[in-house]
PDB file of all heavy atoms in Angstrom:
ATOM      1  N   GLY A   1       6.978   2.920   5.197  1.00  0.00           N
ATOM      2  CA  GLY A   1       5.717   2.373   5.684  1.00  0.00           C
ATOM      3  C   GLY A   1       4.489   3.330   5.419  1.00  0.00           C
ATOM      4  O   GLY A   1       3.344   2.901   5.522  1.00  0.00           O
ATOM      5  N   CYS A   2       4.782   4.589   5.075  1.00  0.00           N
ATOM      6  CA  CYS A   2       3.711   5.525   4.819  1.00  0.00           C
ATOM      7  C   CYS A   2       2.822   5.126   3.644  1.00  0.00           C
ATOM      8  O   CYS A   2       1.733   5.603   3.562  1.00  0.00           O
ATOM      9  CB  CYS A   2       4.343   6.960   4.531  1.00  0.00           C
ATOM     10  SG  CYS A   2       5.308   7.070   3.038  1.00  0.00           S
ATOM     11  N   CYS A   3       3.311   4.251   2.789  1.00  0.00           N
ATOM     12  CA  CYS A   3       2.485   3.828   1.618  1.00  0.00           C
ATOM     13  C   CYS A   3       1.531   2.717   2.066  1.00  0.00           C
ATOM     14  O   CYS A   3       0.631   2.378   1.206  1.00  0.00           O
ATOM     15  CB  CYS A   3       3.370   3.365   0.474  1.00  0.00           C
ATOM     16  SG  CYS A   3       4.176   1.832   0.794  1.00  0.00           S
ATOM     17  N   GLY A   4       1.627   2.204   3.230  1.00  0.00           N
ATOM     18  CA  GLY A   4       0.679   1.179   3.708  1.00  0.00           C
ATOM     19  C   GLY A   4       1.182  -0.206   3.608  1.00  0.00           C
ATOM     20  O   GLY A   4       0.570  -1.167   4.085  1.00  0.00           O
ATOM     21  N   LEU A   5       2.378  -0.453   3.112  1.00  0.00           N
ATOM     22  CA  LEU A   5       2.971  -1.785   3.050  1.00  0.00           C
ATOM     23  C   LEU A   5       3.667  -2.047   4.480  1.00  0.00           C
ATOM     24  O   LEU A   5       4.289  -1.151   4.988  1.00  0.00           O
ATOM     25  CB  LEU A   5       4.025  -1.894   1.952  1.00  0.00           C
ATOM     26  CG  LEU A   5       3.491  -1.800   0.552  1.00  0.00           C
ATOM     27  CD1 LEU A   5       4.604  -1.897  -0.486  1.00  0.00           C
ATOM     28  CD2 LEU A   5       2.427  -2.834   0.228  1.00  0.00           C
ATOM     29  N   GLN A   6       3.466  -3.220   4.910  1.00  0.00           N
ATOM     30  CA  GLN A   6       3.917  -3.587   6.293  1.00  0.00           C
ATOM     31  C   GLN A   6       5.483  -3.786   6.289  1.00  0.00           C
ATOM     32  O   GLN A   6       5.938  -4.604   5.477  1.00  0.00           O
ATOM     33  CB  GLN A   6       3.139  -4.784   6.787  1.00  0.00           C
ATOM     34  CG  GLN A   6       1.654  -4.469   6.931  1.00  0.00           C
ATOM     35  CD  GLN A   6       0.800  -5.698   7.074  1.00  0.00           C
ATOM     36  OE1 GLN A   6       1.315  -6.762   7.315  1.00  0.00           O
ATOM     37  NE2 GLN A   6      -0.498  -5.492   6.982  1.00  0.00           N
ATOM     38  N   LEU A   7       6.117  -3.178   7.199  1.00  0.00           N
ATOM     39  CA  LEU A   7       7.592  -3.152   7.150  1.00  0.00           C
ATOM     40  C   LEU A   7       8.190  -4.577   7.271  1.00  0.00           C
ATOM     41  O   LEU A   7       9.237  -4.848   6.695  1.00  0.00           O
ATOM     42  CB  LEU A   7       8.175  -2.269   8.234  1.00  0.00           C
ATOM     43  CG  LEU A   7       7.943  -0.750   8.055  1.00  0.00           C
ATOM     44  CD1 LEU A   7       8.481   0.048   9.247  1.00  0.00           C
ATOM     45  CD2 LEU A   7       8.485  -0.238   6.748  1.00  0.00           C
ATOM     46  N   TYR A   8       7.540  -5.407   8.018  1.00  0.00           N
ATOM     47  CA  TYR A   8       8.155  -6.736   8.237  1.00  0.00           C
ATOM     48  C   TYR A   8       7.914  -7.689   7.010  1.00  0.00           C
ATOM     49  O   TYR A   8       8.304  -8.812   7.006  1.00  0.00           O
ATOM     50  CB  TYR A   8       7.625  -7.422   9.521  1.00  0.00           C
ATOM     51  CG  TYR A   8       6.151  -7.455   9.704  1.00  0.00           C
ATOM     52  CD1 TYR A   8       5.352  -8.311   9.053  1.00  0.00           C
ATOM     53  CD2 TYR A   8       5.525  -6.552  10.582  1.00  0.00           C
ATOM     54  CE1 TYR A   8       3.942  -8.349   9.173  1.00  0.00           C
ATOM     55  CE2 TYR A   8       4.098  -6.542  10.736  1.00  0.00           C
ATOM     56  CZ  TYR A   8       3.355  -7.457  10.032  1.00  0.00           C
ATOM     57  OH  TYR A   8       1.987  -7.493  10.210  1.00  0.00           O
ATOM     58  N   ASN A   9       7.230  -7.127   5.999  1.00  0.00           N
ATOM     59  CA  ASN A   9       7.087  -7.881   4.761  1.00  0.00           C
ATOM     60  C   ASN A   9       8.067  -7.511   3.664  1.00  0.00           C
ATOM     61  O   ASN A   9       7.930  -7.871   2.527  1.00  0.00           O
ATOM     62  CB  ASN A   9       5.675  -7.684   4.210  1.00  0.00           C
ATOM     63  CG  ASN A   9       4.649  -8.393   5.008  1.00  0.00           C
ATOM     64  OD1 ASN A   9       4.965  -9.362   5.781  1.00  0.00           O
ATOM     65  ND2 ASN A   9       3.349  -8.004   4.885  1.00  0.00           N
ATOM     66  N   PHE A  10       9.089  -6.723   4.056  1.00  0.00           N
ATOM     67  CA  PHE A  10      10.137  -6.303   3.127  1.00  0.00           C
ATOM     68  C   PHE A  10      11.343  -7.315   3.180  1.00  0.00           C
ATOM     69  O   PHE A  10      11.731  -7.729   4.275  1.00  0.00           O
ATOM     70  CB  PHE A  10      10.603  -4.896   3.437  1.00  0.00           C
ATOM     71  CG  PHE A  10       9.713  -3.830   2.869  1.00  0.00           C
ATOM     72  CD1 PHE A  10       8.556  -3.462   3.544  1.00  0.00           C
ATOM     73  CD2 PHE A  10      10.016  -3.165   1.724  1.00  0.00           C
ATOM     74  CE1 PHE A  10       7.704  -2.500   3.025  1.00  0.00           C
ATOM     75  CE2 PHE A  10       9.264  -2.160   1.209  1.00  0.00           C
ATOM     76  CZ  PHE A  10       8.026  -1.826   1.880  1.00  0.00           C
ATOM     77  N   GLY A  11      11.873  -7.578   2.002  1.00  0.00           N
ATOM     78  CA  GLY A  11      13.085  -8.367   1.888  1.00  0.00           C
ATOM     79  C   GLY A  11      14.321  -7.439   1.761  1.00  0.00           C
ATOM     80  O   GLY A  11      14.279  -6.270   2.266  1.00  0.00           O
ATOM     81  N   GLU A  12      15.362  -7.909   1.126  1.00  0.00           N
ATOM     82  CA  GLU A  12      16.600  -7.145   0.963  1.00  0.00           C
ATOM     83  C   GLU A  12      16.353  -5.834   0.198  1.00  0.00           C
ATOM     84  O   GLU A  12      15.713  -5.874  -0.862  1.00  0.00           O
ATOM     85  CB  GLU A  12      17.671  -8.021   0.286  1.00  0.00           C
ATOM     86  CG  GLU A  12      19.008  -7.281   0.113  1.00  0.00           C
ATOM     87  CD  GLU A  12      20.047  -8.162  -0.463  1.00  0.00           C
ATOM     88  OE1 GLU A  12      19.729  -9.374  -0.771  1.00  0.00           O
ATOM     89  OE2 GLU A  12      21.149  -7.694  -0.778  1.00  0.00           O
ATOM     90  N   THR A  13      16.865  -4.723   0.650  1.00  0.00           N
ATOM     91  CA  THR A  13      16.854  -3.472  -0.063  1.00  0.00           C
ATOM     92  C   THR A  13      17.816  -3.481  -1.201  1.00  0.00           C
ATOM     93  O   THR A  13      18.950  -4.022  -1.056  1.00  0.00           O
ATOM     94  CB  THR A  13      17.072  -2.309   0.924  1.00  0.00           C
ATOM     95  OG1 THR A  13      16.114  -2.325   1.917  1.00  0.00           O
ATOM     96  CG2 THR A  13      17.079  -0.939   0.155  1.00  0.00           C
ATOM     97  N   VAL A  14      17.461  -2.820  -2.344  1.00  0.00           N
ATOM     98  CA  VAL A  14      18.433  -2.780  -3.389  1.00  0.00           C
ATOM     99  C   VAL A  14      18.621  -1.382  -3.913  1.00  0.00           C
ATOM    100  O   VAL A  14      17.800  -0.482  -3.556  1.00  0.00           O
ATOM    101  CB  VAL A  14      17.921  -3.615  -4.663  1.00  0.00           C
ATOM    102  CG1 VAL A  14      17.678  -5.064  -4.271  1.00  0.00           C
ATOM    103  CG2 VAL A  14      16.697  -3.000  -5.310  1.00  0.00           C
ATOM    104  N   SER A  15      19.712  -1.100  -4.600  1.00  0.00           N
ATOM    105  CA  SER A  15      19.931   0.182  -5.213  1.00  0.00           C
ATOM    106  C   SER A  15      19.895   0.026  -6.749  1.00  0.00           C
ATOM    107  O   SER A  15      20.473  -0.922  -7.226  1.00  0.00           O
ATOM    108  CB  SER A  15      21.358   0.722  -4.840  1.00  0.00           C
ATOM    109  OG  SER A  15      21.430   0.978  -3.415  1.00  0.00           O
ATOM    110  N   ILE A  16      19.193   0.908  -7.420  1.00  0.00           N
ATOM    111  CA  ILE A  16      19.135   0.886  -8.860  1.00  0.00           C
ATOM    112  C   ILE A  16      19.971   2.032  -9.377  1.00  0.00           C
ATOM    113  O   ILE A  16      19.697   3.223  -9.018  1.00  0.00           O
ATOM    114  CB  ILE A  16      17.685   0.988  -9.342  1.00  0.00           C
ATOM    115  CG1 ILE A  16      16.829  -0.201  -8.877  1.00  0.00           C
ATOM    116  CG2 ILE A  16      17.658   1.101 -10.897  1.00  0.00           C
ATOM    117  CD1 ILE A  16      15.399  -0.185  -9.337  1.00  0.00           C
ATOM    118  N   VAL A  17      20.970   1.771 -10.144  1.00  0.00           N
ATOM    119  CA  VAL A  17      21.936   2.759 -10.552  1.00  0.00           C
ATOM    120  C   VAL A  17      21.614   3.212 -12.004  1.00  0.00           C
ATOM    121  O   VAL A  17      20.916   2.544 -12.744  1.00  0.00           O
ATOM    122  CB  VAL A  17      23.397   2.234 -10.539  1.00  0.00           C
ATOM    123  CG1 VAL A  17      23.786   1.822  -9.181  1.00  0.00           C
ATOM    124  CG2 VAL A  17      23.508   0.991 -11.530  1.00  0.00           C
ATOM    125  N   PHE A  18      22.000   4.432 -12.379  1.00  0.00           N
ATOM    126  CA  PHE A  18      21.886   4.937 -13.713  1.00  0.00           C
ATOM    127  C   PHE A  18      22.706   4.073 -14.697  1.00  0.00           C
ATOM    128  O   PHE A  18      23.917   3.781 -14.471  1.00  0.00           O
ATOM    129  CB  PHE A  18      22.416   6.359 -13.835  1.00  0.00           C
ATOM    130  CG  PHE A  18      21.558   7.437 -13.359  1.00  0.00           C
ATOM    131  CD1 PHE A  18      21.830   8.147 -12.208  1.00  0.00           C
ATOM    132  CD2 PHE A  18      20.362   7.687 -14.038  1.00  0.00           C
ATOM    133  CE1 PHE A  18      21.021   9.187 -11.764  1.00  0.00           C
ATOM    134  CE2 PHE A  18      19.545   8.698 -13.616  1.00  0.00           C
ATOM    135  CZ  PHE A  18      19.870   9.419 -12.460  1.00  0.00           C
ATOM    136  N   TRP A  19      22.057   3.586 -15.753  1.00  0.00           N
ATOM    137  CA  TRP A  19      22.793   2.905 -16.815  1.00  0.00           C
ATOM    138  C   TRP A  19      23.524   3.863 -17.680  1.00  0.00           C
ATOM    139  O   TRP A  19      23.144   5.061 -17.779  1.00  0.00           O
ATOM    140  CB  TRP A  19      21.787   2.133 -17.644  1.00  0.00           C
ATOM    141  CG  TRP A  19      21.351   0.804 -17.061  1.00  0.00           C
ATOM    142  CD1 TRP A  19      21.869   0.210 -15.951  1.00  0.00           C
ATOM    143  CD2 TRP A  19      20.371  -0.075 -17.623  1.00  0.00           C
ATOM    144  NE1 TRP A  19      21.246  -1.019 -15.718  1.00  0.00           N
ATOM    145  CE2 TRP A  19      20.382  -1.218 -16.723  1.00  0.00           C
ATOM    146  CE3 TRP A  19      19.543  -0.066 -18.724  1.00  0.00           C
ATOM    147  CZ2 TRP A  19      19.476  -2.297 -16.901  1.00  0.00           C
ATOM    148  CZ3 TRP A  19      18.706  -1.154 -18.963  1.00  0.00           C
ATOM    149  CH2 TRP A  19      18.654  -2.228 -18.064  1.00  0.00           C
ATOM    150  N   THR A  20      24.565   3.354 -18.315  1.00  0.00           N
ATOM    151  CA  THR A  20      25.258   4.181 -19.355  1.00  0.00           C
ATOM    152  C   THR A  20      25.178   3.358 -20.665  1.00  0.00           C
ATOM    153  O   THR A  20      24.668   2.209 -20.674  1.00  0.00           O
ATOM    154  CB  THR A  20      26.683   4.479 -18.974  1.00  0.00           C
ATOM    155  OG1 THR A  20      27.469   3.215 -19.031  1.00  0.00           O
ATOM    156  CG2 THR A  20      26.810   5.091 -17.568  1.00  0.00           C
ATOM    157  N   ASP A  21      25.724   3.891 -21.718  1.00  0.00           N
ATOM    158  CA  ASP A  21      25.787   3.209 -22.942  1.00  0.00           C
ATOM    159  C   ASP A  21      26.622   1.917 -22.947  1.00  0.00           C
ATOM    160  O   ASP A  21      26.324   0.979 -23.592  1.00  0.00           O
ATOM    161  CB  ASP A  21      26.339   4.058 -24.119  1.00  0.00           C
ATOM    162  CG  ASP A  21      25.432   5.260 -24.435  1.00  0.00           C
ATOM    163  OD1 ASP A  21      24.181   5.169 -24.173  1.00  0.00           O
ATOM    164  OD2 ASP A  21      25.894   6.305 -24.960  1.00  0.00           O
ATOM    165  N   THR A  22      27.584   1.833 -22.029  1.00  0.00           N
ATOM    166  CA  THR A  22      28.490   0.763 -21.933  1.00  0.00           C
ATOM    167  C   THR A  22      28.367  -0.049 -20.667  1.00  0.00           C
ATOM    168  O   THR A  22      29.080  -1.073 -20.479  1.00  0.00           O
ATOM    169  CB  THR A  22      29.937   1.255 -22.117  1.00  0.00           C
ATOM    170  OG1 THR A  22      30.246   2.202 -21.063  1.00  0.00           O
ATOM    171  CG2 THR A  22      30.180   1.839 -23.515  1.00  0.00           C
ATOM    172  N   TRP A  23      27.539   0.380 -19.782  1.00  0.00           N
ATOM    173  CA  TRP A  23      27.397  -0.286 -18.440  1.00  0.00           C
ATOM    174  C   TRP A  23      25.994  -0.445 -18.020  1.00  0.00           C
ATOM    175  O   TRP A  23      25.376   0.563 -17.697  1.00  0.00           O
ATOM    176  CB  TRP A  23      28.231   0.489 -17.411  1.00  0.00           C
ATOM    177  CG  TRP A  23      28.338  -0.209 -16.072  1.00  0.00           C
ATOM    178  CD1 TRP A  23      28.902  -1.373 -15.782  1.00  0.00           C
ATOM    179  CD2 TRP A  23      27.862   0.293 -14.811  1.00  0.00           C
ATOM    180  NE1 TRP A  23      28.831  -1.687 -14.431  1.00  0.00           N
ATOM    181  CE2 TRP A  23      28.179  -0.584 -13.814  1.00  0.00           C
ATOM    182  CE3 TRP A  23      27.222   1.489 -14.415  1.00  0.00           C
ATOM    183  CZ2 TRP A  23      27.871  -0.443 -12.459  1.00  0.00           C
ATOM    184  CZ3 TRP A  23      26.909   1.643 -13.046  1.00  0.00           C
ATOM    185  CH2 TRP A  23      27.233   0.695 -12.125  1.00  0.00           C
ATOM    186  N   LYS A  24      25.434  -1.617 -18.054  1.00  0.00           N
ATOM    187  CA  LYS A  24      24.020  -1.848 -17.712  1.00  0.00           C
ATOM    188  C   LYS A  24      23.899  -3.056 -16.818  1.00  0.00           C
ATOM    189  O   LYS A  24      23.470  -4.137 -17.200  1.00  0.00           O
ATOM    190  CB  LYS A  24      23.231  -2.024 -18.980  1.00  0.00           C
ATOM    191  CG  LYS A  24      23.216  -0.801 -19.939  1.00  0.00           C
ATOM    192  CD  LYS A  24      22.341  -1.020 -21.162  1.00  0.00           C
ATOM    193  CE  LYS A  24      22.349   0.257 -21.989  1.00  0.00           C
ATOM    194  NZ  LYS A  24      21.430   0.133 -23.143  1.00  0.00           N
ATOM    195  N   PRO A  25      24.252  -2.855 -15.538  1.00  0.00           N
ATOM    196  CA  PRO A  25      24.192  -3.967 -14.593  1.00  0.00           C
ATOM    197  C   PRO A  25      22.775  -4.398 -14.291  1.00  0.00           C
ATOM    198  O   PRO A  25      21.854  -3.595 -14.376  1.00  0.00           O
ATOM    199  CB  PRO A  25      24.900  -3.394 -13.346  1.00  0.00           C
ATOM    200  CG  PRO A  25      24.648  -1.922 -13.427  1.00  0.00           C
ATOM    201  CD  PRO A  25      24.766  -1.617 -14.931  1.00  0.00           C
ATOM    202  N   GLU A  26      22.587  -5.669 -13.997  1.00  0.00           N
ATOM    203  CA  GLU A  26      21.261  -6.217 -13.715  1.00  0.00           C
ATOM    204  C   GLU A  26      21.209  -6.959 -12.431  1.00  0.00           C
ATOM    205  O   GLU A  26      20.167  -7.583 -12.084  1.00  0.00           O
ATOM    206  CB  GLU A  26      20.876  -7.244 -14.858  1.00  0.00           C
ATOM    207  CG  GLU A  26      20.750  -6.570 -16.246  1.00  0.00           C
ATOM    208  CD  GLU A  26      20.207  -7.556 -17.271  1.00  0.00           C
ATOM    209  OE1 GLU A  26      19.900  -8.707 -16.920  1.00  0.00           O
ATOM    210  OE2 GLU A  26      20.108  -7.127 -18.446  1.00  0.00           O
ATOM    211  N   SER A  27      22.251  -6.875 -11.594  1.00  0.00           N
ATOM    212  CA  SER A  27      22.295  -7.701 -10.346  1.00  0.00           C
ATOM    213  C   SER A  27      21.179  -7.346  -9.378  1.00  0.00           C
ATOM    214  O   SER A  27      20.683  -8.201  -8.665  1.00  0.00           O
ATOM    215  CB  SER A  27      23.708  -7.493  -9.736  1.00  0.00           C
ATOM    216  OG  SER A  27      23.890  -6.129  -9.455  1.00  0.00           O
ATOM    217  N   PHE A  28      20.743  -6.097  -9.376  1.00  0.00           N
ATOM    218  CA  PHE A  28      19.689  -5.698  -8.496  1.00  0.00           C
ATOM    219  C   PHE A  28      18.387  -6.427  -8.814  1.00  0.00           C
ATOM    220  O   PHE A  28      17.566  -6.687  -7.974  1.00  0.00           O
ATOM    221  CB  PHE A  28      19.459  -4.187  -8.492  1.00  0.00           C
ATOM    222  CG  PHE A  28      19.174  -3.619  -9.891  1.00  0.00           C
ATOM    223  CD1 PHE A  28      17.917  -3.572 -10.420  1.00  0.00           C
ATOM    224  CD2 PHE A  28      20.236  -2.981 -10.536  1.00  0.00           C
ATOM    225  CE1 PHE A  28      17.678  -3.009 -11.664  1.00  0.00           C
ATOM    226  CE2 PHE A  28      20.001  -2.422 -11.797  1.00  0.00           C
ATOM    227  CZ  PHE A  28      18.745  -2.416 -12.383  1.00  0.00           C
ATOM    228  N   PHE A  29      18.202  -6.743 -10.155  1.00  0.00           N
ATOM    229  CA  PHE A  29      16.946  -7.480 -10.580  1.00  0.00           C
ATOM    230  C   PHE A  29      16.927  -8.863  -9.952  1.00  0.00           C
ATOM    231  O   PHE A  29      15.833  -9.345  -9.588  1.00  0.00           O
ATOM    232  CB  PHE A  29      16.930  -7.513 -12.086  1.00  0.00           C
ATOM    233  CG  PHE A  29      15.674  -8.090 -12.649  1.00  0.00           C
ATOM    234  CD1 PHE A  29      14.538  -7.202 -12.795  1.00  0.00           C
ATOM    235  CD2 PHE A  29      15.537  -9.386 -12.993  1.00  0.00           C
ATOM    236  CE1 PHE A  29      13.330  -7.733 -13.339  1.00  0.00           C
ATOM    237  CE2 PHE A  29      14.357  -9.894 -13.525  1.00  0.00           C
ATOM    238  CZ  PHE A  29      13.243  -9.020 -13.661  1.00  0.00           C
TER     239      PHE A  29
END
């Protein structure tokens, strides 16, 4: 919330993982 965005306006939190040459998941998108 320090950035000024209101906490109750947030939806589901996601994790963005490091891609590799053979593994590039997009489910977080």
